[in-house]
C-alpha cells in the first residue's frame, strides 16, 4: 500500500532582496536588529581606547589641551576677541565640544565599507546600523565633554570674575535639536565619503586633512563677527558653512555670546536633513555593489 507523504510547507521568516527605494530607512528592520546596534555601540566604546594607558581620560584631555592651545595662540598671541565678560578658554571649549561630536561622527562613518568589508561579505544585517552605531557611541563622548564644559562654566561663573556676561539663554531648550543636527550632518557627510572611498582610495588620505581644514572654516576658534569684520570678501565661505551656524548657536545657547536667529536654526536643520538623505541615498546605492570594488 502506497502512502502519500504530506507536503512540507516552509514559511520563511525573512526574505532578503535588493533595495529598490532610493531612501529606505526601514525603521522596523533596524528595530529588529537593535541588539546588534547595541553590540556595535558597546564595541566602539570599549575598543577605542583599549590597551591605552589613560583610557577614557582622553575624553577629557583632548578638548582641554586643544582649548588651552587655541587660547594661547588665537586669543593671547593673535588677540582675537571673544566678547566682553566671556573667558577665552570657555569660548574655545564651547566651540571644540560641539565640533568634536560632528568630526567624530564624520571620521567614524567615513570608512564604513572599508572597515567592515569582511563582515558585510558574510553576514546580512541592515548596513546602516554600522554608521548609526558610530553616531550613538560618540554621543557618550559628547555627553562627557559637555559635562567638562559645564564644570568649567561653573568654575568661571562662581569662582572668578571673568565670566560676568556668560549667561545661558532661553534658546537652550533647543539644544537637543542642535545635537541631532550635528549627528545627522556628520552621519550624512560620512556616508557620502564612505561610499566614495570604495572606488577612490585617495579620499582616505584626504579625509583627516580635510576635516582639519574644515575646522578652521567653521568658526571654532574665533567669532563669526570677527571674521566678517576682518575678511568681509570671503566671509560667506564661513558664514554659509552649516557647522559655523551650529557652533555659533551652541555658543549663544550656553554662553549668550553672538546672536540667535530662527532662520539660522532652520537653515542648520534643513541642511543637516538634506545631507543625511543624500548620504543615505548614495549609501543604499553603494551597498548593492561595493563588495566588488572594495
C-alpha atoms as a PDB file:
ATOM      1  CA  UNK A   1       0.000   0.000   0.000  1.00  0.00           C
ATOM      2  CA  UNK A   2       1.483   3.366  -1.072  1.00  0.00           C
ATOM      3  CA  UNK A   3       1.256   6.143   1.443  1.00  0.00           C
ATOM      4  CA  UNK A   4       1.380   9.713   0.197  1.00  0.00           C
ATOM      5  CA  UNK A   5       3.593  11.830   2.384  1.00  0.00           C
ATOM      6  CA  UNK A   6       2.214  15.237   3.220  1.00  0.00           C
ATOM      7  CA  UNK A   7       3.997  18.118   1.566  1.00  0.00           C
ATOM      8  CA  UNK A   8       6.210  20.136   3.853  1.00  0.00           C
ATOM      9  CA  UNK A   9       5.456  23.818   3.602  1.00  0.00           C
ATOM     10  CA  UNK A  10       8.293  26.080   4.658  1.00  0.00           C
ATOM     11  CA  UNK A  11       7.446  29.537   5.868  1.00  0.00           C
ATOM     12  CA  UNK A  12      10.442  31.823   5.617  1.00  0.00           C
ATOM     13  CA  UNK A  13      10.878  34.294   8.422  1.00  0.00           C
ATOM     14  CA  UNK A  14      12.706  36.860   6.285  1.00  0.00           C
ATOM     15  CA  UNK A  15      13.222  37.434   2.610  1.00  0.00           C
ATOM     16  CA  UNK A  16      16.407  39.232   1.582  1.00  0.00           C
ATOM     17  CA  UNK A  17      16.001  41.141  -1.654  1.00  0.00           C
ATOM     18  CA  UNK A  18      17.801  44.088  -3.304  1.00  0.00           C
ATOM     19  CA  UNK A  19      16.677  47.512  -2.176  1.00  0.00           C
ATOM     20  CA  UNK A  20      14.699  49.347  -4.799  1.00  0.00           C
ATOM     21  CA  UNK A  21      13.881  52.519  -2.930  1.00  0.00           C
ATOM     22  CA  UNK A  22      16.299  55.406  -3.057  1.00  0.00           C
ATOM     23  CA  UNK A  23      15.529  56.359   0.532  1.00  0.00           C
ATOM     24  CA  UNK A  24      14.956  53.278   2.667  1.00  0.00           C
ATOM     25  CA  UNK A  25      15.088  53.955   6.391  1.00  0.00           C
ATOM     26  CA  UNK A  26      13.247  50.730   7.258  1.00  0.00           C
ATOM     27  CA  UNK A  27      12.897  51.540  10.954  1.00  0.00           C
ATOM     28  CA  UNK A  28      11.110  48.217  11.506  1.00  0.00           C
ATOM     29  CA  UNK A  29      14.142  46.213  10.430  1.00  0.00           C
ATOM     30  CA  UNK A  30      16.543  48.460  12.339  1.00  0.00           C
ATOM     31  CA  UNK A  31      14.423  47.967  15.464  1.00  0.00           C
ATOM     32  CA  UNK A  32      14.527  44.202  14.881  1.00  0.00           C
ATOM     33  CA  UNK A  33      18.329  44.385  14.903  1.00  0.00           C
ATOM     34  CA  UNK A  34      18.505  46.759  17.894  1.00  0.00           C
ATOM     35  CA  UNK A  35      20.543  44.217  19.888  1.00  0.00           C
ATOM     36  CA  UNK A  36      23.187  44.241  17.154  1.00  0.00           C
ATOM     37  CA  UNK A  37      23.165  48.045  17.200  1.00  0.00           C
ATOM     38  CA  UNK A  38      23.757  47.962  20.949  1.00  0.00           C
ATOM     39  CA  UNK A  39      26.643  45.488  20.493  1.00  0.00           C
ATOM     40  CA  UNK A  40      28.262  47.724  17.879  1.00  0.00           C
ATOM     41  CA  UNK A  41      27.934  50.736  20.179  1.00  0.00           C
ATOM     42  CA  UNK A  42      29.465  48.756  23.043  1.00  0.00           C
ATOM     43  CA  UNK A  43      32.265  47.555  20.756  1.00  0.00           C
ATOM     44  CA  UNK A  44      33.080  51.083  19.614  1.00  0.00           C
ATOM     45  CA  UNK A  45      33.229  52.404  23.170  1.00  0.00           C
ATOM     46  CA  UNK A  46      35.334  49.553  24.573  1.00  0.00           C
ATOM     47  CA  UNK A  47      37.814  49.094  21.714  1.00  0.00           C
ATOM     48  CA  UNK A  48      38.506  52.780  21.040  1.00  0.00           C
ATOM     49  CA  UNK A  49      40.867  53.179  23.989  1.00  0.00           C
ATOM     50  CA  UNK A  50      41.666  49.520  24.644  1.00  0.00           C
ATOM     51  CA  UNK A  51      45.312  48.880  25.617  1.00  0.00           C
ATOM     52  CA  UNK A  52      45.873  52.579  26.286  1.00  0.00           C
ATOM     53  CA  UNK A  53      47.438  53.927  29.465  1.00  0.00           C
ATOM     54  CA  UNK A  54      44.984  56.762  30.103  1.00  0.00           C
ATOM     55  CA  UNK A  55      41.920  55.133  28.524  1.00  0.00           C
ATOM     56  CA  UNK A  56      38.713  57.185  28.824  1.00  0.00           C
ATOM     57  CA  UNK A  57      40.707  60.091  30.269  1.00  0.00           C
ATOM     58  CA  UNK A  58      41.392  61.058  26.635  1.00  0.00           C
ATOM     59  CA  UNK A  59      37.757  62.192  26.535  1.00  0.00           C
ATOM     60  CA  UNK A  60      38.802  64.944  28.963  1.00  0.00           C
ATOM     61  CA  UNK A  61      42.381  65.573  27.853  1.00  0.00           C
ATOM     62  CA  UNK A  62      41.755  66.231  24.159  1.00  0.00           C
ATOM     63  CA  UNK A  63      39.244  69.128  24.470  1.00  0.00           C
ATOM     64  CA  UNK A  64      41.073  70.692  27.420  1.00  0.00           C
ATOM     65  CA  UNK A  65      44.513  70.724  25.782  1.00  0.00           C
ATOM     66  CA  UNK A  66      43.059  71.930  22.479  1.00  0.00           C
ATOM     67  CA  UNK A  67      41.239  74.764  24.260  1.00  0.00           C
ATOM     68  CA  UNK A  68      44.413  75.799  26.068  1.00  0.00           C
ATOM     69  CA  UNK A  69      46.405  75.863  22.804  1.00  0.00           C
ATOM     70  CA  UNK A  70      43.686  77.822  20.986  1.00  0.00           C
ATOM     71  CA  UNK A  71      43.529  80.307  23.851  1.00  0.00           C
ATOM     72  CA  UNK A  72      47.287  80.848  23.841  1.00  0.00           C
ATOM     73  CA  UNK A  73      47.660  81.155  20.071  1.00  0.00           C
ATOM     74  CA  UNK A  74      44.475  82.774  18.821  1.00  0.00           C
ATOM     75  CA  UNK A  75      43.429  84.873  21.803  1.00  0.00           C
ATOM     76  CA  UNK A  76      46.677  85.751  23.577  1.00  0.00           C
ATOM     77  CA  UNK A  77      49.102  85.951  20.640  1.00  0.00           C
ATOM     78  CA  UNK A  78      46.750  86.859  17.780  1.00  0.00           C
ATOM     79  CA  UNK A  79      44.487  88.949  20.071  1.00  0.00           C
ATOM     80  CA  UNK A  80      41.235  87.598  18.646  1.00  0.00           C
ATOM     81  CA  UNK A  81      38.436  88.888  20.914  1.00  0.00           C
ATOM     82  CA  UNK A  82      35.792  86.571  22.316  1.00  0.00           C
ATOM     83  CA  UNK A  83      33.477  89.194  23.758  1.00  0.00           C
ATOM     84  CA  UNK A  84      33.426  91.258  26.929  1.00  0.00           C
ATOM     85  CA  UNK A  85      32.896  89.141  30.023  1.00  0.00           C
ATOM     86  CA  UNK A  86      33.425  85.873  28.126  1.00  0.00           C
ATOM     87  CA  UNK A  87      36.579  83.896  29.094  1.00  0.00           C
ATOM     88  CA  UNK A  88      38.579  82.896  26.022  1.00  0.00           C
ATOM     89  CA  UNK A  89      39.119  79.382  27.350  1.00  0.00           C
ATOM     90  CA  UNK A  90      35.375  78.861  27.870  1.00  0.00           C
ATOM     91  CA  UNK A  91      34.643  80.313  24.430  1.00  0.00           C
ATOM     92  CA  UNK A  92      37.063  77.877  22.777  1.00  0.00           C
ATOM     93  CA  UNK A  93      35.872  74.935  24.860  1.00  0.00           C
ATOM     94  CA  UNK A  94      32.293  75.542  23.691  1.00  0.00           C
ATOM     95  CA  UNK A  95      33.390  75.517  20.056  1.00  0.00           C
ATOM     96  CA  UNK A  96      35.554  72.413  20.445  1.00  0.00           C
ATOM     97  CA  UNK A  97      32.849  70.489  22.329  1.00  0.00           C
ATOM     98  CA  UNK A  98      30.319  70.978  19.555  1.00  0.00           C
ATOM     99  CA  UNK A  99      32.881  70.474  16.783  1.00  0.00           C
ATOM    100  CA  UNK A 100      34.266  67.246  18.247  1.00  0.00           C
ATOM    101  CA  UNK A 101      30.908  65.462  18.066  1.00  0.00           C
ATOM    102  CA  UNK A 102      30.450  66.335  14.402  1.00  0.00           C
ATOM    103  CA  UNK A 103      34.033  65.449  13.418  1.00  0.00           C
ATOM    104  CA  UNK A 104      33.909  62.154  15.348  1.00  0.00           C
ATOM    105  CA  UNK A 105      30.693  61.164  13.565  1.00  0.00           C
ATOM    106  CA  UNK A 106      32.155  62.190  10.210  1.00  0.00           C
ATOM    107  CA  UNK A 107      35.505  60.412  10.501  1.00  0.00           C
ATOM    108  CA  UNK A 108      33.971  57.384  12.217  1.00  0.00           C
ATOM    109  CA  UNK A 109      31.456  56.752   9.435  1.00  0.00           C
ATOM    110  CA  UNK A 110      33.679  57.758   6.502  1.00  0.00           C
ATOM    111  CA  UNK A 111      35.296  54.304   6.248  1.00  0.00           C
ATOM    112  CA  UNK A 112      32.218  52.165   6.967  1.00  0.00           C
ATOM    113  CA  UNK A 113      32.505  49.948   3.889  1.00  0.00           C
ATOM    114  CA  UNK A 114      36.265  49.551   4.030  1.00  0.00           C
ATOM    115  CA  UNK A 115      36.443  48.826   7.774  1.00  0.00           C
ATOM    116  CA  UNK A 116      33.560  46.340   7.733  1.00  0.00           C
ATOM    117  CA  UNK A 117      34.071  44.649   4.355  1.00  0.00           C
ATOM    118  CA  UNK A 118      34.728  41.240   5.932  1.00  0.00           C
ATOM    119  CA  UNK A 119      31.559  41.133   7.992  1.00  0.00           C
ATOM    120  CA  UNK A 120      29.476  42.739   5.221  1.00  0.00           C
ATOM    121  CA  UNK A 121      30.521  39.970   2.827  1.00  0.00           C
ATOM    122  CA  UNK A 122      29.498  37.153   5.179  1.00  0.00           C
ATOM    123  CA  UNK A 123      26.505  38.178   7.284  1.00  0.00           C
ATOM    124  CA  UNK A 124      23.319  40.019   6.439  1.00  0.00           C
ATOM    125  CA  UNK A 125      22.018  42.844   8.591  1.00  0.00           C
ATOM    126  CA  UNK A 126      20.889  46.384   7.776  1.00  0.00           C
ATOM    127  CA  UNK A 127      24.174  48.016   6.778  1.00  0.00           C
ATOM    128  CA  UNK A 128      23.072  51.430   8.017  1.00  0.00           C
ATOM    129  CA  UNK A 129      23.311  50.054  11.570  1.00  0.00           C
ATOM    130  CA  UNK A 130      27.113  50.326  11.382  1.00  0.00           C
ATOM    131  CA  UNK A 131      27.334  54.111  10.819  1.00  0.00           C
ATOM    132  CA  UNK A 132      24.403  54.601  13.208  1.00  0.00           C
ATOM    133  CA  UNK A 133      26.368  52.847  15.954  1.00  0.00           C
ATOM    134  CA  UNK A 134      29.209  55.352  15.471  1.00  0.00           C
ATOM    135  CA  UNK A 135      26.820  58.277  15.961  1.00  0.00           C
ATOM    136  CA  UNK A 136      25.362  56.771  19.146  1.00  0.00           C
ATOM    137  CA  UNK A 137      28.736  55.761  20.618  1.00  0.00           C
ATOM    138  CA  UNK A 138      30.118  59.257  20.015  1.00  0.00           C
ATOM    139  CA  UNK A 139      27.063  60.662  21.775  1.00  0.00           C
ATOM    140  CA  UNK A 140      28.510  59.280  25.019  1.00  0.00           C
ATOM    141  CA  UNK A 141      31.794  61.042  24.321  1.00  0.00           C
ATOM    142  CA  UNK A 142      29.922  64.266  23.601  1.00  0.00           C
ATOM    143  CA  UNK A 143      27.991  63.905  26.865  1.00  0.00           C
ATOM    144  CA  UNK A 144      31.234  63.559  28.848  1.00  0.00           C
ATOM    145  CA  UNK A 145      32.801  66.579  27.143  1.00  0.00           C
ATOM    146  CA  UNK A 146      29.615  68.555  27.719  1.00  0.00           C
ATOM    147  CA  UNK A 147      29.928  67.806  31.437  1.00  0.00           C
ATOM    148  CA  UNK A 148      33.521  69.055  31.286  1.00  0.00           C
ATOM    149  CA  UNK A 149      32.283  72.269  29.678  1.00  0.00           C
ATOM    150  CA  UNK A 150      29.576  72.677  32.349  1.00  0.00           C
ATOM    151  CA  UNK A 151      32.173  72.127  35.105  1.00  0.00           C
ATOM    152  CA  UNK A 152      34.434  74.858  33.765  1.00  0.00           C
ATOM    153  CA  UNK A 153      31.435  77.127  33.239  1.00  0.00           C
ATOM    154  CA  UNK A 154      30.515  76.738  36.921  1.00  0.00           C
ATOM    155  CA  UNK A 155      34.119  77.440  37.909  1.00  0.00           C
ATOM    156  CA  UNK A 156      34.418  80.646  35.839  1.00  0.00           C
ATOM    157  CA  UNK A 157      30.983  81.978  36.878  1.00  0.00           C
ATOM    158  CA  UNK A 158      31.104  81.277  40.602  1.00  0.00           C
ATOM    159  CA  UNK A 159      34.827  81.373  41.416  1.00  0.00           C
ATOM    160  CA  UNK A 160      36.198  84.065  39.095  1.00  0.00           C
ATOM    161  CA  UNK A 161      35.197  87.492  37.815  1.00  0.00           C
ATOM    162  CA  UNK A 162      35.943  86.710  34.171  1.00  0.00           C
ATOM    163  CA  UNK A 163      32.521  85.366  33.133  1.00  0.00           C
ATOM    164  CA  UNK A 164      30.275  88.290  34.015  1.00  0.00           C
ATOM    165  CA  UNK A 165      28.365  88.079  30.726  1.00  0.00           C
ATOM    166  CA  UNK A 166      28.382  84.295  30.268  1.00  0.00           C
ATOM    167  CA  UNK A 167      24.679  83.636  30.748  1.00  0.00           C
ATOM    168  CA  UNK A 168      22.739  80.669  29.261  1.00  0.00           C
ATOM    169  CA  UNK A 169      19.832  81.786  27.096  1.00  0.00           C
ATOM    170  CA  UNK A 170      16.259  80.544  26.894  1.00  0.00           C
ATOM    171  CA  UNK A 171      17.094  79.058  23.487  1.00  0.00           C
ATOM    172  CA  UNK A 172      18.982  76.378  25.445  1.00  0.00           C
ATOM    173  CA  UNK A 173      15.796  74.270  25.315  1.00  0.00           C
ATOM    174  CA  UNK A 174      16.588  73.745  21.608  1.00  0.00           C
ATOM    175  CA  UNK A 175      19.974  72.170  22.381  1.00  0.00           C
ATOM    176  CA  UNK A 176      18.710  68.560  21.861  1.00  0.00           C
ATOM    177  CA  UNK A 177      17.664  69.511  18.325  1.00  0.00           C
ATOM    178  CA  UNK A 178      21.083  71.089  17.734  1.00  0.00           C
ATOM    179  CA  UNK A 179      22.754  67.840  18.814  1.00  0.00           C
ATOM    180  CA  UNK A 180      20.538  65.927  16.371  1.00  0.00           C
ATOM    181  CA  UNK A 181      21.583  68.337  13.602  1.00  0.00           C
ATOM    182  CA  UNK A 182      25.261  67.679  14.384  1.00  0.00           C
ATOM    183  CA  UNK A 183      24.738  63.922  14.337  1.00  0.00           C
ATOM    184  CA  UNK A 184      22.726  63.939  11.092  1.00  0.00           C
ATOM    185  CA  UNK A 185      25.188  66.227   9.337  1.00  0.00           C
ATOM    186  CA  UNK A 186      28.191  64.121  10.376  1.00  0.00           C
ATOM    187  CA  UNK A 187      26.375  60.866   9.557  1.00  0.00           C
ATOM    188  CA  UNK A 188      25.222  62.021   6.123  1.00  0.00           C
ATOM    189  CA  UNK A 189      28.574  63.515   5.179  1.00  0.00           C
ATOM    190  CA  UNK A 190      30.351  60.402   6.446  1.00  0.00           C
ATOM    191  CA  UNK A 191      28.136  58.038   4.427  1.00  0.00           C
ATOM    192  CA  UNK A 192      28.829  60.059   1.280  1.00  0.00           C
ATOM    193  CA  UNK A 193      32.589  59.839   1.847  1.00  0.00           C
ATOM    194  CA  UNK A 194      32.379  56.157   2.768  1.00  0.00           C
ATOM    195  CA  UNK A 195      30.594  55.389  -0.489  1.00  0.00           C
ATOM    196  CA  UNK A 196      33.154  57.368  -2.492  1.00  0.00           C
ATOM    197  CA  UNK A 197      36.188  55.714  -0.862  1.00  0.00           C
ATOM    198  CA  UNK A 198      35.094  52.303  -2.167  1.00  0.00           C
ATOM    199  CA  UNK A 199      36.163  53.498  -5.648  1.00  0.00           C
ATOM    200  CA  UNK A 200      38.524  56.358  -4.921  1.00  0.00           C
ATOM    201  CA  UNK A 201      41.040  55.275  -2.280  1.00  0.00           C
ATOM    202  CA  UNK A 202      42.827  58.620  -2.373  1.00  0.00           C
ATOM    203  CA  UNK A 203      39.979  60.152  -0.401  1.00  0.00           C
ATOM    204  CA  UNK A 204      41.006  58.074   2.612  1.00  0.00           C
ATOM    205  CA  UNK A 205      44.199  60.113   2.928  1.00  0.00           C
ATOM    206  CA  UNK A 206      42.417  63.410   2.384  1.00  0.00           C
ATOM    207  CA  UNK A 207      39.649  62.952   4.959  1.00  0.00           C
ATOM    208  CA  UNK A 208      41.673  63.690   8.101  1.00  0.00           C
ATOM    209  CA  UNK A 209      43.405  66.617   6.390  1.00  0.00           C
ATOM    210  CA  UNK A 210      40.102  67.929   5.042  1.00  0.00           C
ATOM    211  CA  UNK A 211      38.449  67.736   8.469  1.00  0.00           C
ATOM    212  CA  UNK A 212      41.237  69.872   9.934  1.00  0.00           C
ATOM    213  CA  UNK A 213      40.782  72.477   7.212  1.00  0.00           C
ATOM    214  CA  UNK A 214      37.024  72.409   7.720  1.00  0.00           C
ATOM    215  CA  UNK A 215      37.529  73.127  11.423  1.00  0.00           C
ATOM    216  CA  UNK A 216      39.330  76.388  10.600  1.00  0.00           C
ATOM    217  CA  UNK A 217      36.461  77.279   8.276  1.00  0.00           C
ATOM    218  CA  UNK A 218      33.790  76.602  10.901  1.00  0.00           C
ATOM    219  CA  UNK A 219      34.492  79.428  13.393  1.00  0.00           C
ATOM    220  CA  UNK A 220      35.614  77.016  16.104  1.00  0.00           C
ATOM    221  CA  UNK A 221      38.325  79.276  17.497  1.00  0.00           C
ATOM    222  CA  UNK A 222      37.002  82.727  16.531  1.00  0.00           C
ATOM    223  CA  UNK A 223      33.640  84.548  16.444  1.00  0.00           C
ATOM    224  CA  UNK A 224      31.932  84.764  13.048  1.00  0.00           C
ATOM    225  CA  UNK A 225      31.501  88.523  13.530  1.00  0.00           C
ATOM    226  CA  UNK A 226      35.286  88.933  13.848  1.00  0.00           C
ATOM    227  CA  UNK A 227      35.921  87.046  10.606  1.00  0.00           C
ATOM    228  CA  UNK A 228      33.271  89.079   8.769  1.00  0.00           C
ATOM    229  CA  UNK A 229      34.924  92.269  10.015  1.00  0.00           C
ATOM    230  CA  UNK A 230      38.476  91.297   9.057  1.00  0.00           C
ATOM    231  CA  UNK A 231      37.836  89.421   5.794  1.00  0.00           C
ATOM    232  CA  UNK A 232      34.439  90.609   4.505  1.00  0.00           C
ATOM    233  CA  UNK A 233      35.007  89.487   0.902  1.00  0.00           C
ATOM    234  CA  UNK A 234      35.455  85.829   1.950  1.00  0.00           C
ATOM    235  CA  UNK A 235      33.147  85.794   4.946  1.00  0.00           C
ATOM    236  CA  UNK A 236      30.406  83.982   3.015  1.00  0.00           C
ATOM    237  CA  UNK A 237      32.614  80.872   2.853  1.00  0.00           C
ATOM    238  CA  UNK A 238      32.443  80.604   6.627  1.00  0.00           C
ATOM    239  CA  UNK A 239      29.005  82.128   7.138  1.00  0.00           C
ATOM    240  CA  UNK A 240      27.182  79.594   4.944  1.00  0.00           C
ATOM    241  CA  UNK A 241      29.021  76.627   6.439  1.00  0.00           C
ATOM    242  CA  UNK A 242      26.313  74.713   8.393  1.00  0.00           C
ATOM    243  CA  UNK A 243      28.791  73.827  11.137  1.00  0.00           C
ATOM    244  CA  UNK A 244      29.564  77.524  11.649  1.00  0.00           C
ATOM    245  CA  UNK A 245      25.868  78.121  12.231  1.00  0.00           C
ATOM    246  CA  UNK A 246      25.633  75.178  14.647  1.00  0.00           C
ATOM    247  CA  UNK A 247      28.708  76.250  16.631  1.00  0.00           C
ATOM    248  CA  UNK A 248      27.525  79.870  16.795  1.00  0.00           C
ATOM    249  CA  UNK A 249      24.102  78.691  18.019  1.00  0.00           C
ATOM    250  CA  UNK A 250      25.717  76.419  20.613  1.00  0.00           C
ATOM    251  CA  UNK A 251      27.788  79.318  21.966  1.00  0.00           C
ATOM    252  CA  UNK A 252      24.754  81.573  22.094  1.00  0.00           C
ATOM    253  CA  UNK A 253      22.649  78.979  23.924  1.00  0.00           C
ATOM    254  CA  UNK A 254      25.302  78.190  26.535  1.00  0.00           C
ATOM    255  CA  UNK A 255      27.235  81.458  26.924  1.00  0.00           C
ATOM    256  CA  UNK A 256      24.999  84.134  25.448  1.00  0.00           C
ATOM    257  CA  UNK A 257      27.698  85.300  23.033  1.00  0.00           C
ATOM    258  CA  UNK A 258      26.680  86.149  19.472  1.00  0.00           C
ATOM    259  CA  UNK A 259      23.094  86.248  18.287  1.00  0.00           C
ATOM    260  CA  UNK A 260      20.270  83.752  17.816  1.00  0.00           C
ATOM    261  CA  UNK A 261      18.229  83.662  14.635  1.00  0.00           C
ATOM    262  CA  UNK A 262      15.365  81.289  13.932  1.00  0.00           C
ATOM    263  CA  UNK A 263      16.321  81.410  10.263  1.00  0.00           C
ATOM    264  CA  UNK A 264      19.831  80.221  11.106  1.00  0.00           C
ATOM    265  CA  UNK A 265      18.424  77.444  13.275  1.00  0.00           C
ATOM    266  CA  UNK A 266      16.109  76.267  10.481  1.00  0.00           C
ATOM    267  CA  UNK A 267      18.949  76.597   7.958  1.00  0.00           C
ATOM    268  CA  UNK A 268      21.165  74.299  10.021  1.00  0.00           C
ATOM    269  CA  UNK A 269      18.319  71.812  10.454  1.00  0.00           C
ATOM    270  CA  UNK A 270      17.311  71.735   6.782  1.00  0.00           C
ATOM    271  CA  UNK A 271      20.893  71.375   5.513  1.00  0.00           C
ATOM    272  CA  UNK A 272      21.591  68.581   8.029  1.00  0.00           C
ATOM    273  CA  UNK A 273      18.493  66.628   6.994  1.00  0.00           C
ATOM    274  CA  UNK A 274      19.217  67.132   3.280  1.00  0.00           C
ATOM    275  CA  UNK A 275      22.844  65.968   3.654  1.00  0.00           C
ATOM    276  CA  UNK A 276      21.648  62.959   5.654  1.00  0.00           C
ATOM    277  CA  UNK A 277      19.084  61.980   2.997  1.00  0.00           C
ATOM    278  CA  UNK A 278      21.603  62.432   0.180  1.00  0.00           C
ATOM    279  CA  UNK A 279      24.124  60.351   2.130  1.00  0.00           C
ATOM    280  CA  UNK A 280      21.508  57.638   2.713  1.00  0.00           C
ATOM    281  CA  UNK A 281      20.620  57.509  -0.989  1.00  0.00           C
ATOM    282  CA  UNK A 282      24.286  57.137  -2.002  1.00  0.00           C
ATOM    283  CA  UNK A 283      24.903  54.650   0.833  1.00  0.00           C
ATOM    284  CA  UNK A 284      21.975  52.446  -0.250  1.00  0.00           C
ATOM    285  CA  UNK A 285      23.135  52.553  -3.854  1.00  0.00           C
ATOM    286  CA  UNK A 286      26.737  51.680  -2.979  1.00  0.00           C
ATOM    287  CA  UNK A 287      25.622  48.904  -0.639  1.00  0.00           C
ATOM    288  CA  UNK A 288      24.394  46.822  -3.602  1.00  0.00           C
ATOM    289  CA  UNK A 289      27.750  46.565  -5.366  1.00  0.00           C
ATOM    290  CA  UNK A 290      30.507  47.764  -3.025  1.00  0.00           C
ATOM    291  CA  UNK A 291      31.784  44.226  -2.332  1.00  0.00           C
ATOM    292  CA  UNK A 292      33.023  44.035  -5.938  1.00  0.00           C
ATOM    293  CA  UNK A 293      35.093  47.211  -5.689  1.00  0.00           C
ATOM    294  CA  UNK A 294      36.438  47.234  -2.127  1.00  0.00           C
END
